[in-house]
Structures are given as structure tokens and as C-alpha cells.
Amino acid sequence: MQQAIDSLRPDVNRKHSAAGSALSMREAPWLNRRVPNGFWDTRENRLRYLNWLGNRCGFHEAADWYALRKHHFQRNGGGGLLRDEYHSSVQNAMADFLPDHDWKPWLFGSAPNGYWKDRDHRTIYLHWLGQKIGVQKTEDWYNVTGADFFNHHGGGLLNNEFNGCVQSVLCDYLPRFRWRAWLFNSVPQSFWQHVRNRQAYVLWLGKRLGCRKPDDWSQLKREHFCRNGGSGLLVGYYNGSTQQAVAELFPELQGA
């Protein structure tokens, strides 16, 4: 395991890996809680410290570093380094330590402030999320829930940028795909209050079931709605009546 991360570490640091916390005060002045002025300005010193810190914390693989937090620096003589050189950002420290590694900022406990406001960042995250949860084709996203975001470090994206609406996230991610709100686990709040949405659903359902002439529409049943994401619409707005649903779309059929 040590070899895996050693292969990523800068060459200047490898000689310090075996010594770990056994470094002397001269080699590791942070052990005295103070370092000489300008000490952290030199990258070799920063890397030496981070290598030492990783050994101390038991980080042997690159992925282990995602557990790194500010308190690890503060409790191990690196508070000044983190504050002054990395602007209090653990992610900045890791970018300096292993610049060639493909870091995922959201895996460091939380993404940096303002990170999700960048659409490119959102796209990168959603591509990664899709791989994690097994999305194979666009339609698979209909099965994604808010819990999937929270369980994969994307709760801030979902809540802060899209008010908790999964559909809004995905419309932003894949704006050219024609999303059907009713195919998600739930429709957005107040969605069915708009007549155009209700009519769009009934028209879609009819086409899905092969309705082509008036008699076909009259054959719609409650189970058709329930199996195709329309149970809330049927009960909430049509009092469970498929006839009312069809009548709103085709008022000319009433009494026919």
C-alpha cells in the first residue's frame, strides 16, 4: 500500500517516508510548534511536512487523504502552513502535495465555498455520481433520488443550488434531453397545478399506450396511471376518475 502512494509523491519526499515521525527537530521544526521565518515558502519543506503528516495519520493510499481535515494540521504543528500557504484549504494542500492526482473536492468532507456555482464542476460531479450509482443510459437518471446525492457528498449541490429538486439538477446537467417530470420518483411541488402539465401527461400516456382514436382514450384505466407515474395526478386532480382526465384533454369527447 505504501508503494502506491509513494509512486505519486514527489521524489524529494521519498527519502523522508521511512523516517516518518522519527525526524529530528532540525529536520522537522514543526515538532517544536514553530518554524523559521519563510520556512513554508519552500515547497520542499511543505512536502516534507505533508509526507510526515501522512505517515503520522496512517494515510498510505492517495484516497486515504480524503480523510484529512484542518484539525490534523492544527494538532500537528501545521496550522500556520495551512492558513498562510493554503488559505485554510485542505484541497489546496493536496493539490500542492500530489498535483497530478485527480482530486474530487467534494470528498474532502465538503466542497469549497462557491464550488457548485460553476457549471463545469457540477457536470464533473454528476458524471462521477452516475458512474458510482451505475447509470448506463440517460433514462437511468429517473431512478436517482435525493438520498443518492446525500450519500455521495452532493447534498450541498442539491440543496443549495437547486432547492432539493433532483429534476432541476438533471435538467441543468443534460438540458437537451426531454425530461418527463412524472417519471422521477416525485414531481416538483405544484407541478400538477398547471393544466398544461396535466394535459401533457395524459397525452403522453395515451401515446405510450397506443391511443389513436376516441374509443382508445375511453379505455384508459386507473392502473395505467399508477404504472406510469400518474397516480398522484389521478387521485389529486381527477378524483380518481380517468374520464375526467380525458375530458380535460379532449373536452369535445364529453357526452360523445
Protein backbone atom coordinates (compact mmCIF):
# COMPACT_ATOMS: atom_id res chain seq x y z
CA MET A 1 0.00 0.00 0.00
CA GLN A 2 2.83 2.38 0.85
CA GLN A 3 4.33 1.86 -2.57
CA ALA A 4 1.11 3.02 -4.22
CA ILE A 5 1.20 6.45 -2.68
CA ASP A 6 4.99 6.71 -2.80
CA SER A 7 4.68 6.46 -6.57
CA LEU A 8 2.56 9.59 -6.52
CA ARG A 9 4.64 11.57 -4.04
CA PRO A 10 7.29 13.99 -5.33
CA ASP A 11 10.80 12.46 -5.46
CA VAL A 12 12.09 14.95 -2.93
CA ASN A 13 9.86 13.40 -0.29
CA ARG A 14 10.52 9.68 -0.70
CA LYS A 15 13.65 9.73 1.43
CA HIS A 16 11.57 11.03 4.34
CA SER A 17 8.87 8.37 4.10
CA ALA A 18 10.67 5.69 6.09
CA ALA A 19 11.77 8.11 8.80
CA GLY A 20 8.21 9.33 9.38
CA SER A 21 7.73 10.84 12.81
CA ALA A 22 11.31 9.90 13.82
CA LEU A 23 12.66 13.07 12.19
CA SER A 24 14.79 15.30 14.40
CA MET A 25 13.81 18.82 15.47
CA ARG A 26 16.24 20.18 12.90
CA GLU A 27 14.64 18.14 10.14
CA ALA A 28 11.11 18.73 11.41
CA PRO A 29 10.97 22.12 13.17
CA TRP A 30 7.15 21.94 13.28
CA LEU A 31 7.58 19.44 16.11
CA ASN A 32 8.55 22.43 18.24
CA ARG A 33 5.32 24.18 17.16
CA ARG A 34 7.36 26.93 15.49
CA VAL A 35 9.20 27.05 12.22
CA PRO A 36 11.81 29.56 11.00
CA ASN A 37 10.55 32.60 9.13
CA GLY A 38 9.94 31.73 5.48
CA PHE A 39 10.19 28.00 6.15
CA TRP A 40 6.88 27.20 4.45
CA ASP A 41 7.76 29.32 1.42
CA THR A 42 9.95 26.47 0.20
CA ARG A 43 7.92 23.70 -1.45
CA GLU A 44 10.38 21.03 -0.35
CA ASN A 45 9.62 21.93 3.27
CA ARG A 46 5.88 21.83 2.65
CA LEU A 47 6.13 18.44 1.00
CA ARG A 48 8.34 17.12 3.78
CA TYR A 49 5.73 18.14 6.32
CA LEU A 50 2.83 16.65 4.38
CA ASN A 51 4.70 13.41 3.90
CA TRP A 52 5.40 13.27 7.63
CA LEU A 53 1.77 14.13 8.43
CA GLY A 54 0.52 11.37 6.15
CA ASN A 55 2.68 8.80 7.91
CA ARG A 56 1.55 10.07 11.28
CA CYS A 57 -2.12 9.84 10.30
CA GLY A 58 -1.79 6.46 8.61
CA PHE A 59 -2.51 7.66 5.07
CA HIS A 60 -0.99 5.03 2.77
CA GLU A 61 -3.08 5.35 -0.39
CA ALA A 62 -3.93 8.54 -2.25
CA ALA A 63 -7.62 8.02 -1.41
CA ASP A 64 -6.75 7.98 2.31
CA TRP A 65 -6.01 11.69 2.13
CA TYR A 66 -9.70 12.44 1.69
CA ALA A 67 -9.95 11.93 5.46
CA LEU A 68 -7.56 14.84 6.03
CA ARG A 69 -9.12 17.77 7.92
CA LYS A 70 -7.96 21.12 9.24
CA HIS A 71 -7.55 19.75 12.75
CA HIS A 72 -4.86 17.36 11.51
CA PHE A 73 -2.73 20.37 10.62
CA GLN A 74 -3.61 22.33 13.75
CA ARG A 75 -2.82 19.46 16.11
CA ASN A 76 0.44 18.59 14.39
CA GLY A 77 2.27 21.85 14.03
CA GLY A 78 0.94 22.72 10.57
CA GLY A 79 -1.73 25.28 11.37
CA GLY A 80 0.39 28.12 10.03
CA LEU A 81 1.17 26.20 6.87
CA LEU A 82 -2.47 25.54 6.17
CA ARG A 83 -3.52 29.09 6.94
CA ASP A 84 -0.76 31.05 5.23
CA GLU A 85 0.24 28.88 2.29
CA TYR A 86 -3.01 27.07 1.50
CA HIS A 87 -5.54 29.72 2.53
CA SER A 88 -7.02 27.28 5.07
CA SER A 89 -7.94 24.87 2.27
CA VAL A 90 -7.14 21.17 2.64
CA GLN A 91 -7.83 20.76 -1.06
CA ASN A 92 -5.16 23.36 -1.88
CA ALA A 93 -2.70 21.46 0.25
CA MET A 94 -3.40 18.23 -1.60
CA ALA A 95 -3.13 19.93 -4.98
CA ASP A 96 0.33 21.08 -3.95
CA PHE A 97 1.33 17.71 -2.50
CA LEU A 98 0.09 15.46 -5.32
CA PRO A 99 -0.63 17.80 -8.24
CA ASP A 100 -1.06 15.01 -10.78
CA HIS A 101 -3.75 13.19 -8.82
CA ASP A 102 -7.36 13.64 -9.95
CA TRP A 103 -8.77 15.00 -6.70
CA LYS A 104 -12.53 15.12 -6.13
CA PRO A 105 -13.11 18.21 -3.95
CA TRP A 106 -16.49 17.01 -2.65
CA LEU A 107 -14.81 14.00 -1.00
CA PHE A 108 -12.97 16.25 1.47
CA GLY A 109 -15.99 16.45 3.77
CA SER A 110 -17.49 19.31 1.74
CA ALA A 111 -16.74 21.17 -1.47
CA PRO A 112 -15.08 24.62 -1.28
CA ASN A 113 -17.31 27.67 -0.94
CA GLY A 114 -18.83 28.57 -4.30
CA TYR A 115 -17.66 25.35 -5.92
CA TRP A 116 -21.12 24.25 -7.07
CA LYS A 117 -21.88 27.57 -8.73
CA ASP A 118 -19.56 26.59 -11.56
CA ARG A 119 -21.48 24.50 -14.09
CA ASP A 120 -18.33 22.64 -15.13
CA HIS A 121 -17.89 21.50 -11.54
CA ARG A 122 -21.50 20.30 -11.40
CA THR A 123 -21.02 18.39 -14.64
CA ILE A 124 -17.87 16.69 -13.34
CA TYR A 125 -19.64 15.68 -10.15
CA LEU A 126 -22.71 14.29 -11.91
CA HIS A 127 -20.59 12.30 -14.33
CA TRP A 128 -18.78 10.82 -11.32
CA LEU A 129 -22.06 10.20 -9.49
CA GLY A 130 -23.51 8.39 -12.50
CA GLN A 131 -20.55 6.04 -12.52
CA LYS A 132 -20.87 5.44 -8.78
CA ILE A 133 -24.55 4.51 -8.86
CA GLY A 134 -24.46 2.55 -12.10
CA VAL A 135 -26.13 4.89 -14.60
CA GLN A 136 -25.82 3.25 -18.01
CA LYS A 137 -28.19 5.34 -20.09
CA THR A 138 -29.89 8.70 -19.69
CA GLU A 139 -33.21 7.17 -18.63
CA ASP A 140 -31.49 5.58 -15.62
CA TRP A 141 -31.32 9.03 -14.03
CA TYR A 142 -35.07 8.85 -13.42
CA ASN A 143 -34.31 6.42 -10.58
CA VAL A 144 -31.94 8.79 -8.80
CA THR A 145 -33.15 10.23 -5.51
CA GLY A 146 -32.08 12.96 -3.16
CA ALA A 147 -30.59 10.27 -0.94
CA ASP A 148 -28.18 9.35 -3.73
CA PHE A 149 -26.80 12.88 -3.64
CA PHE A 150 -26.50 12.97 0.15
CA ASN A 151 -24.92 9.53 0.28
CA HIS A 152 -22.34 10.60 -2.29
CA HIS A 153 -21.30 14.00 -0.94
CA GLY A 154 -23.59 16.04 -3.20
CA GLY A 155 -26.12 17.28 -0.65
CA GLY A 156 -24.76 20.83 -0.86
CA LEU A 157 -25.18 20.84 -4.62
CA LEU A 158 -28.75 19.54 -4.42
CA ASN A 159 -29.98 21.77 -1.60
CA ASN A 160 -28.04 24.98 -2.06
CA GLU A 161 -28.13 25.28 -5.82
CA PHE A 162 -31.39 23.51 -6.73
CA ASN A 163 -33.58 23.73 -3.62
CA GLY A 164 -33.56 19.97 -3.19
CA CYS A 165 -35.07 19.28 -6.62
CA VAL A 166 -33.42 16.33 -8.35
CA GLN A 167 -35.17 17.10 -11.62
CA SER A 168 -33.72 20.63 -11.67
CA VAL A 169 -30.22 19.24 -11.17
CA LEU A 170 -30.60 16.86 -14.09
CA CYS A 171 -32.17 19.44 -16.38
CA ASP A 172 -29.10 21.56 -15.73
CA TYR A 173 -26.81 18.60 -16.34
CA LEU A 174 -28.47 17.36 -19.55
CA PRO A 175 -30.53 20.29 -20.86
CA ARG A 176 -31.05 18.81 -24.34
CA PHE A 177 -32.74 15.67 -23.06
CA ARG A 178 -36.54 15.85 -22.94
CA TRP A 179 -37.22 15.05 -19.32
CA ARG A 180 -40.64 13.79 -18.22
CA ALA A 181 -41.22 15.05 -14.70
CA TRP A 182 -43.64 12.23 -13.84
CA LEU A 183 -41.01 9.56 -14.48
CA PHE A 184 -39.00 10.72 -11.46
CA ASN A 185 -39.84 9.35 -8.02
CA SER A 186 -41.82 12.53 -7.40
CA VAL A 187 -42.81 15.58 -9.42
CA PRO A 188 -41.77 19.10 -8.37
CA GLN A 189 -44.03 20.85 -5.92
CA SER A 190 -47.13 22.37 -7.58
CA PHE A 191 -46.31 20.63 -10.87
CA TRP A 192 -49.79 19.19 -11.33
CA GLN A 193 -51.46 22.51 -10.57
CA HIS A 194 -50.67 23.68 -14.09
CA VAL A 195 -53.18 22.45 -16.65
CA ARG A 196 -50.53 22.26 -19.38
CA ASN A 197 -48.60 19.73 -17.28
CA ARG A 198 -51.69 17.62 -16.66
CA GLN A 199 -52.62 17.63 -20.32
CA ALA A 200 -49.04 16.86 -21.36
CA TYR A 201 -49.05 13.82 -19.09
CA VAL A 202 -52.38 12.44 -20.31
CA LEU A 203 -51.36 12.98 -23.93
CA TRP A 204 -48.03 11.24 -23.29
CA LEU A 205 -49.77 8.37 -21.52
CA GLY A 206 -52.21 7.89 -24.37
CA LYS A 207 -49.44 7.78 -26.94
CA ARG A 208 -47.47 5.39 -24.75
CA LEU A 209 -50.48 3.05 -24.67
CA GLY A 210 -51.21 3.40 -28.38
CA CYS A 211 -54.35 5.56 -28.20
CA ARG A 212 -55.20 6.85 -31.67
CA LYS A 213 -58.96 7.33 -31.80
CA PRO A 214 -61.61 8.49 -29.27
CA ASP A 215 -62.60 4.97 -28.30
CA ASP A 216 -58.99 4.22 -27.39
CA TRP A 217 -58.86 7.06 -24.89
CA SER A 218 -62.03 5.87 -23.23
CA GLN A 219 -60.22 2.63 -22.37
CA LEU A 220 -57.72 4.30 -20.06
CA LYS A 221 -57.82 2.77 -16.60
CA ARG A 222 -56.57 3.68 -13.17
CA GLU A 223 -53.82 1.07 -13.36
CA HIS A 224 -52.42 2.78 -16.47
CA PHE A 225 -51.86 5.96 -14.45
CA CYS A 226 -50.47 4.10 -11.46
CA ARG A 227 -47.94 2.17 -13.54
CA ASN A 228 -46.74 5.26 -15.39
CA GLY A 229 -46.10 7.86 -12.72
CA GLY A 230 -49.56 9.43 -12.75
CA SER A 231 -51.23 8.10 -9.59
CA GLY A 232 -50.78 11.41 -7.75
CA LEU A 233 -52.33 13.28 -10.65
CA LEU A 234 -55.28 10.92 -10.98
CA VAL A 235 -56.16 10.98 -7.28
CA GLY A 236 -55.23 14.58 -6.54
CA TYR A 237 -56.80 16.35 -9.51
CA TYR A 238 -59.23 13.97 -11.15
CA ASN A 239 -60.74 12.37 -8.03
CA GLY A 240 -59.57 9.01 -9.31
CA SER A 241 -61.61 9.38 -12.49
CA THR A 242 -59.90 8.59 -15.77
CA GLN A 243 -62.88 10.09 -17.57
CA GLN A 244 -62.18 13.48 -16.01
CA ALA A 245 -58.57 13.24 -17.11
CA VAL A 246 -59.53 12.53 -20.71
CA ALA A 247 -62.23 15.20 -20.64
CA GLU A 248 -59.72 17.88 -19.69
CA LEU A 249 -57.55 16.94 -22.64
CA PHE A 250 -60.41 16.38 -25.08
CA PRO A 251 -63.48 18.28 -23.86
CA GLU A 252 -65.15 17.59 -27.20
CA LEU A 253 -65.39 13.91 -26.23
CA GLN A 254 -67.68 14.64 -23.29
CA GLY A 255 -71.07 13.14 -23.91
CA ALA A 256 -69.91 11.63 -27.17
